[in-house]
Amino acid sequence: MRNPRRFAIARRAASSHNINMFSESNEITKLVCQSAAVLIVVAGITLDLLLALLLQTRRIKPALPSCQVLRQRGYGTSQAQVALAATLLFALPYLFQKPAPVAPKGVSLLFGHLLYALTTLSAIALCMFNLQKTFHNLFLNDACGAGKAFFKGLLYGLAAIPPVMLLSLTVNTLIKMLGYDSASQDVFRWLEKGGMDTGARYFTVFAIVVLAPIIEELLFRGILLPALLKGRNFVFAALLLGAYFATVHFHAPSFIPLLSLSMLFAAGYAATGSIITPIVMHSLFNLSGLVFYAAGM
């Protein structure tokens, strides 16, 4: 017959062993993320120094060769209104909601992101129909192939990380010095508190790194930027778009970093004329944000 006391002791020992295993697993994960974060920062700073050297020696010139290509894509007021409606459809309800300390259920997360993706695809299809152009004509560039656009997205994205990180750190420091709380965005609190099941957690990471960059870049840089460039210089159009991009994220401490980030994404798009470049930049930045957060940085 099984001894109840011995069984209870064994169960407590097993439970303690599992806790230690999870603790060790978390420590290993944190160490890996810290190492990855250091590599990202070092690579970004190295690229920034290299670009500065090339600019100083005039081996490269600061130029946005595809800016005129974007202006010629035919986007007008009606297409801009469609893109604005798509972004406001999901941004405005968040304005009237209280910050959610607990993550939504997995089904709600999945449905919300899929609905946003479907709305974006509908907006793009409507623009294609109105302008009588293909996706390739509206978002890609024959002068910069997919491979080249992807590679430049990686380079530009890595180069953008250190200055935006420094800007974000400066803003958060100033906010704390003024006596205000610099709270993290909801999604980071959801991931940190562990109130999500495994499937929802993986899907959230996928949405942050893949889905959100594709959706947001198609709407903001893909449609709104070319529409704003009509009759405006690049800096003013990118600044205007950046202010809107930062506003609809509804996170005050991130406003200035998001504004600068949006302008960098716009510059990447104007440099290649391919939407692949800002998508890769956006994805890389979001992935880096997750790595830095997991590393405790």
Protein backbone atom coordinates (compact mmCIF):
# COMPACT_ATOMS: atom_id res chain seq x y z
CA MET A 1 0.00 0.00 0.00
CA ARG A 2 1.30 3.47 -0.93
CA ASN A 3 2.49 5.58 2.01
CA PRO A 4 0.54 8.90 1.85
CA ARG A 5 3.23 10.82 3.71
CA ARG A 6 6.02 9.51 1.47
CA PHE A 7 3.91 10.27 -1.60
CA ALA A 8 3.31 13.86 -0.42
CA ILE A 9 7.02 14.37 0.22
CA ALA A 10 7.87 12.99 -3.23
CA ARG A 11 5.28 15.25 -4.84
CA ARG A 12 6.67 18.33 -3.09
CA ALA A 13 10.18 17.35 -4.15
CA ALA A 14 9.04 16.94 -7.77
CA SER A 15 7.25 20.27 -7.63
CA SER A 16 10.38 21.95 -6.28
CA HIS A 17 12.44 20.30 -9.01
CA ASN A 18 10.04 21.61 -11.69
CA ILE A 19 10.23 25.14 -10.27
CA ASN A 20 14.01 24.99 -10.36
CA MET A 21 13.91 23.72 -13.94
CA PHE A 22 11.61 26.59 -15.00
CA SER A 23 13.81 29.06 -13.15
CA GLU A 24 16.90 27.74 -14.90
CA SER A 25 15.06 27.82 -18.22
CA ASN A 26 14.09 31.47 -17.66
CA GLU A 27 17.66 32.36 -16.75
CA ILE A 28 18.99 30.67 -19.89
CA THR A 29 16.40 32.45 -22.02
CA LYS A 30 17.31 35.78 -20.46
CA LEU A 31 21.02 35.13 -21.04
CA VAL A 32 20.39 34.24 -24.69
CA CYS A 33 18.29 37.38 -25.15
CA GLN A 34 20.96 39.53 -23.50
CA SER A 35 23.59 38.11 -25.84
CA ALA A 36 21.33 38.70 -28.86
CA ALA A 37 20.60 42.25 -27.67
CA VAL A 38 24.30 43.04 -27.41
CA LEU A 39 24.92 41.69 -30.91
CA ILE A 40 22.06 43.77 -32.32
CA VAL A 41 23.31 46.95 -30.69
CA VAL A 42 26.93 46.33 -31.75
CA ALA A 43 25.86 45.60 -35.33
CA GLY A 44 23.69 48.72 -35.41
CA ILE A 45 26.40 51.01 -34.03
CA THR A 46 28.95 49.53 -36.45
CA LEU A 47 26.64 50.25 -39.39
CA ASP A 48 26.00 53.79 -38.14
CA LEU A 49 29.73 54.49 -37.87
CA LEU A 50 30.35 53.00 -41.31
CA LEU A 51 27.58 55.11 -42.87
CA ALA A 52 28.92 58.22 -41.15
CA LEU A 53 32.40 57.49 -42.50
CA LEU A 54 31.10 56.92 -46.04
CA LEU A 55 29.11 60.15 -45.89
CA GLN A 56 32.10 62.08 -44.56
CA THR A 57 34.36 60.80 -47.32
CA ARG A 58 31.55 61.41 -49.86
CA ARG A 59 31.61 57.84 -51.08
CA ILE A 60 27.84 57.87 -50.72
CA LYS A 61 25.42 60.79 -50.86
CA PRO A 62 22.26 61.17 -48.76
CA ALA A 63 19.56 60.72 -51.38
CA LEU A 64 16.11 59.20 -51.77
CA PRO A 65 16.17 58.13 -55.43
CA SER A 66 12.70 56.53 -55.43
CA CYS A 67 10.86 59.48 -53.92
CA GLN A 68 9.59 60.52 -57.33
CA VAL A 69 8.55 56.92 -58.03
CA LEU A 70 6.27 57.06 -54.99
CA ARG A 71 4.72 60.34 -56.15
CA GLN A 72 3.89 58.79 -59.51
CA ARG A 73 1.92 55.87 -58.10
CA GLY A 74 -1.30 57.81 -58.44
CA TYR A 75 -2.58 57.82 -54.87
CA GLY A 76 -4.99 60.67 -54.17
CA THR A 77 -7.41 61.87 -51.53
CA SER A 78 -9.85 58.99 -51.98
CA GLN A 79 -7.15 56.33 -51.49
CA ALA A 80 -5.78 58.20 -48.45
CA GLN A 81 -9.28 58.28 -46.95
CA VAL A 82 -9.60 54.51 -47.40
CA ALA A 83 -6.27 53.93 -45.60
CA LEU A 84 -7.21 56.39 -42.84
CA ALA A 85 -10.55 54.63 -42.34
CA ALA A 86 -8.79 51.27 -42.04
CA THR A 87 -6.37 52.54 -39.39
CA LEU A 88 -8.99 54.49 -37.41
CA LEU A 89 -11.36 51.52 -37.42
CA PHE A 90 -9.00 49.72 -35.03
CA ALA A 91 -7.30 52.69 -33.36
CA LEU A 92 -10.28 54.70 -32.12
CA PRO A 93 -11.96 51.95 -30.02
CA TYR A 94 -8.68 51.56 -28.10
CA LEU A 95 -8.89 55.27 -27.14
CA PHE A 96 -12.05 54.66 -25.13
CA GLN A 97 -10.83 51.49 -23.42
CA LYS A 98 -8.98 51.33 -20.14
CA PRO A 99 -5.49 49.78 -20.20
CA ALA A 100 -5.92 46.01 -20.06
CA PRO A 101 -3.78 44.41 -17.31
CA VAL A 102 -4.80 40.94 -18.49
CA ALA A 103 -4.38 39.69 -22.03
CA PRO A 104 -7.51 39.02 -24.09
CA LYS A 105 -8.39 35.42 -24.82
CA GLY A 106 -6.56 33.71 -27.66
CA VAL A 107 -9.67 33.66 -29.85
CA SER A 108 -10.13 37.43 -29.42
CA LEU A 109 -6.49 38.10 -30.33
CA LEU A 110 -6.70 35.88 -33.40
CA PHE A 111 -10.01 37.37 -34.54
CA GLY A 112 -8.81 40.96 -34.02
CA HIS A 113 -5.61 40.56 -36.03
CA LEU A 114 -7.29 38.59 -38.80
CA LEU A 115 -10.02 41.22 -39.06
CA TYR A 116 -7.38 43.96 -39.29
CA ALA A 117 -5.55 41.99 -42.00
CA LEU A 118 -8.79 41.46 -43.93
CA THR A 119 -9.61 45.18 -43.68
CA THR A 120 -6.14 46.07 -44.97
CA LEU A 121 -6.46 43.67 -47.91
CA SER A 122 -9.87 45.15 -48.71
CA ALA A 123 -8.41 48.69 -48.64
CA ILE A 124 -5.58 47.63 -50.98
CA ALA A 125 -8.00 45.86 -53.33
CA LEU A 126 -10.16 48.99 -53.45
CA CYS A 127 -7.13 51.16 -54.27
CA MET A 128 -6.02 48.74 -56.98
CA PHE A 129 -9.51 48.78 -58.48
CA ASN A 130 -9.80 52.59 -58.39
CA LEU A 131 -6.36 53.18 -59.86
CA GLN A 132 -6.52 50.21 -62.27
CA LYS A 133 -3.06 49.08 -61.17
CA THR A 134 -1.57 45.84 -59.85
CA PHE A 135 -0.01 45.25 -56.44
CA HIS A 136 3.40 45.23 -58.12
CA ASN A 137 2.79 48.67 -59.66
CA LEU A 138 1.62 50.17 -56.37
CA PHE A 139 4.07 48.70 -53.86
CA LEU A 140 7.14 47.30 -55.61
CA ASN A 141 9.88 48.68 -57.84
CA ASP A 142 11.52 47.00 -60.85
CA ALA A 143 14.68 49.03 -60.24
CA CYS A 144 15.09 47.36 -56.83
CA GLY A 145 14.36 43.63 -56.76
CA ALA A 146 12.93 41.78 -53.79
CA GLY A 147 16.31 40.45 -52.64
CA LYS A 148 17.97 43.84 -52.79
CA ALA A 149 15.02 45.53 -51.03
CA PHE A 150 15.09 42.88 -48.29
CA PHE A 151 18.85 43.27 -47.77
CA LYS A 152 18.58 47.06 -47.59
CA GLY A 153 15.73 46.67 -45.11
CA LEU A 154 18.02 44.65 -42.85
CA LEU A 155 20.84 47.22 -43.12
CA TYR A 156 18.61 50.24 -42.61
CA GLY A 157 16.72 48.51 -39.81
CA LEU A 158 19.86 47.63 -37.88
CA ALA A 159 21.23 51.15 -38.37
CA ALA A 160 17.98 52.64 -37.04
CA ILE A 161 17.92 50.66 -33.79
CA PRO A 162 20.73 52.39 -31.77
CA PRO A 163 19.60 56.02 -32.33
CA VAL A 164 15.92 55.20 -31.70
CA MET A 165 16.89 53.24 -28.56
CA LEU A 166 18.93 56.21 -27.32
CA LEU A 167 16.04 58.57 -28.05
CA SER A 168 13.59 56.28 -26.25
CA LEU A 169 15.92 56.00 -23.24
CA THR A 170 16.27 59.80 -23.12
CA VAL A 171 12.50 60.35 -23.28
CA ASN A 172 11.80 57.74 -20.56
CA THR A 173 14.49 59.26 -18.33
CA LEU A 174 12.99 62.73 -18.71
CA ILE A 175 9.50 61.38 -17.97
CA LYS A 176 10.73 59.75 -14.76
CA MET A 177 12.62 62.91 -13.75
CA LEU A 178 9.34 64.84 -14.09
CA GLY A 179 7.71 62.36 -11.72
CA TYR A 180 5.56 60.49 -14.21
CA ASP A 181 5.33 56.76 -14.74
CA SER A 182 6.69 55.42 -18.03
CA ALA A 183 4.47 52.36 -18.36
CA SER A 184 5.10 49.66 -20.92
CA GLN A 185 2.66 49.02 -23.74
CA ASP A 186 -0.14 46.57 -22.99
CA VAL A 187 1.28 43.77 -25.11
CA PHE A 188 4.53 43.70 -23.11
CA ARG A 189 2.61 43.55 -19.83
CA TRP A 190 0.53 40.67 -21.20
CA LEU A 191 3.63 38.69 -22.16
CA GLU A 192 5.35 39.48 -18.87
CA LYS A 193 2.52 38.50 -16.54
CA GLY A 194 2.07 35.13 -18.19
CA GLY A 195 -1.73 35.27 -18.31
CA MET A 196 -1.72 33.94 -21.86
CA ASP A 197 -1.85 30.33 -22.97
CA THR A 198 0.98 29.01 -25.13
CA GLY A 199 -0.89 29.30 -28.42
CA ALA A 200 -1.93 32.90 -27.75
CA ARG A 201 1.62 33.79 -26.72
CA TYR A 202 3.13 32.38 -29.92
CA PHE A 203 0.49 34.07 -32.05
CA THR A 204 1.12 37.40 -30.28
CA VAL A 205 4.83 37.17 -31.05
CA PHE A 206 4.02 36.26 -34.66
CA ALA A 207 1.65 39.23 -34.89
CA ILE A 208 4.27 41.62 -33.48
CA VAL A 209 7.13 40.43 -35.69
CA VAL A 210 5.33 39.53 -38.95
CA LEU A 211 1.66 40.47 -39.18
CA ALA A 212 1.70 44.00 -37.72
CA PRO A 213 4.71 45.20 -39.80
CA ILE A 214 3.07 43.98 -43.03
CA ILE A 215 -0.33 45.49 -42.25
CA GLU A 216 0.97 48.81 -40.93
CA GLU A 217 3.54 49.35 -43.66
CA LEU A 218 1.04 48.66 -46.45
CA LEU A 219 -1.35 51.24 -44.99
CA PHE A 220 0.98 53.92 -43.60
CA ARG A 221 4.00 53.88 -45.89
CA GLY A 222 2.44 52.01 -48.82
CA ILE A 223 -0.67 54.19 -49.32
CA LEU A 224 -0.58 57.25 -47.05
CA LEU A 225 3.03 58.30 -47.71
CA PRO A 226 2.74 58.51 -51.53
CA ALA A 227 -0.59 60.36 -51.13
CA LEU A 228 1.04 62.89 -48.79
CA LEU A 229 4.05 63.32 -51.07
CA LYS A 230 1.85 64.89 -53.76
CA GLY A 231 2.66 68.60 -53.65
CA ARG A 232 4.82 68.26 -50.52
CA ASN A 233 8.50 67.73 -49.87
CA PHE A 234 9.61 64.46 -48.31
CA VAL A 235 10.48 65.81 -44.83
CA PHE A 236 7.10 67.48 -44.32
CA ALA A 237 5.15 64.47 -45.64
CA ALA A 238 7.17 62.00 -43.51
CA LEU A 239 6.81 64.23 -40.43
CA LEU A 240 3.05 64.52 -40.89
CA LEU A 241 2.69 60.78 -41.38
CA GLY A 242 4.99 60.07 -38.45
CA ALA A 243 2.88 62.23 -36.13
CA TYR A 244 -0.24 60.32 -37.15
CA PHE A 245 1.52 56.94 -36.87
CA ALA A 246 2.73 57.76 -33.34
CA THR A 247 -0.66 59.15 -32.27
CA VAL A 248 -2.72 56.09 -33.23
CA HIS A 249 -0.50 53.87 -31.06
CA PHE A 250 -1.88 55.74 -28.02
CA HIS A 251 1.24 55.41 -25.89
CA ALA A 252 2.50 58.85 -24.86
CA PRO A 253 6.04 57.81 -23.76
CA SER A 254 6.61 56.27 -27.21
CA PHE A 255 5.34 59.24 -29.25
CA ILE A 256 8.70 60.81 -30.13
CA PRO A 257 10.52 57.48 -30.73
CA LEU A 258 7.63 56.27 -32.91
CA LEU A 259 7.62 59.55 -34.81
CA SER A 260 11.32 59.24 -35.59
CA LEU A 261 10.92 55.54 -36.40
CA SER A 262 8.11 56.27 -38.85
CA MET A 263 10.28 58.84 -40.62
CA LEU A 264 13.08 56.28 -40.92
CA PHE A 265 10.66 53.70 -42.37
CA ALA A 266 9.48 56.35 -44.85
CA ALA A 267 13.08 57.11 -45.80
CA GLY A 268 13.70 53.39 -46.37
CA TYR A 269 10.67 53.21 -48.66
CA ALA A 270 11.73 56.33 -50.57
CA ALA A 271 15.25 54.92 -50.94
CA THR A 272 14.17 51.69 -52.67
CA GLY A 273 10.60 52.21 -53.83
CA SER A 274 9.76 48.72 -52.57
CA ILE A 275 7.42 48.17 -49.62
CA ILE A 276 9.59 45.17 -48.69
CA THR A 277 12.23 47.51 -47.25
CA PRO A 278 10.09 49.25 -44.58
CA ILE A 279 8.35 45.95 -43.75
CA VAL A 280 11.72 44.33 -43.00
CA MET A 281 12.84 47.41 -41.04
CA HIS A 282 9.63 47.39 -39.01
CA SER A 283 9.79 43.64 -38.38
CA LEU A 284 13.42 43.82 -37.29
CA PHE A 285 12.70 46.68 -34.91
CA ASN A 286 9.73 44.88 -33.32
CA LEU A 287 11.78 41.69 -32.95
CA SER A 288 14.57 43.69 -31.32
CA GLY A 289 12.06 45.26 -28.95
CA LEU A 290 10.95 41.82 -27.80
CA VAL A 291 14.56 40.71 -27.37
CA PHE A 292 15.49 43.83 -25.37
CA TYR A 293 12.41 43.45 -23.18
CA ALA A 294 13.10 39.76 -22.52
CA ALA A 295 16.73 40.66 -21.74
CA GLY A 296 15.60 43.20 -19.13
CA MET A 297 17.08 46.13 -21.04
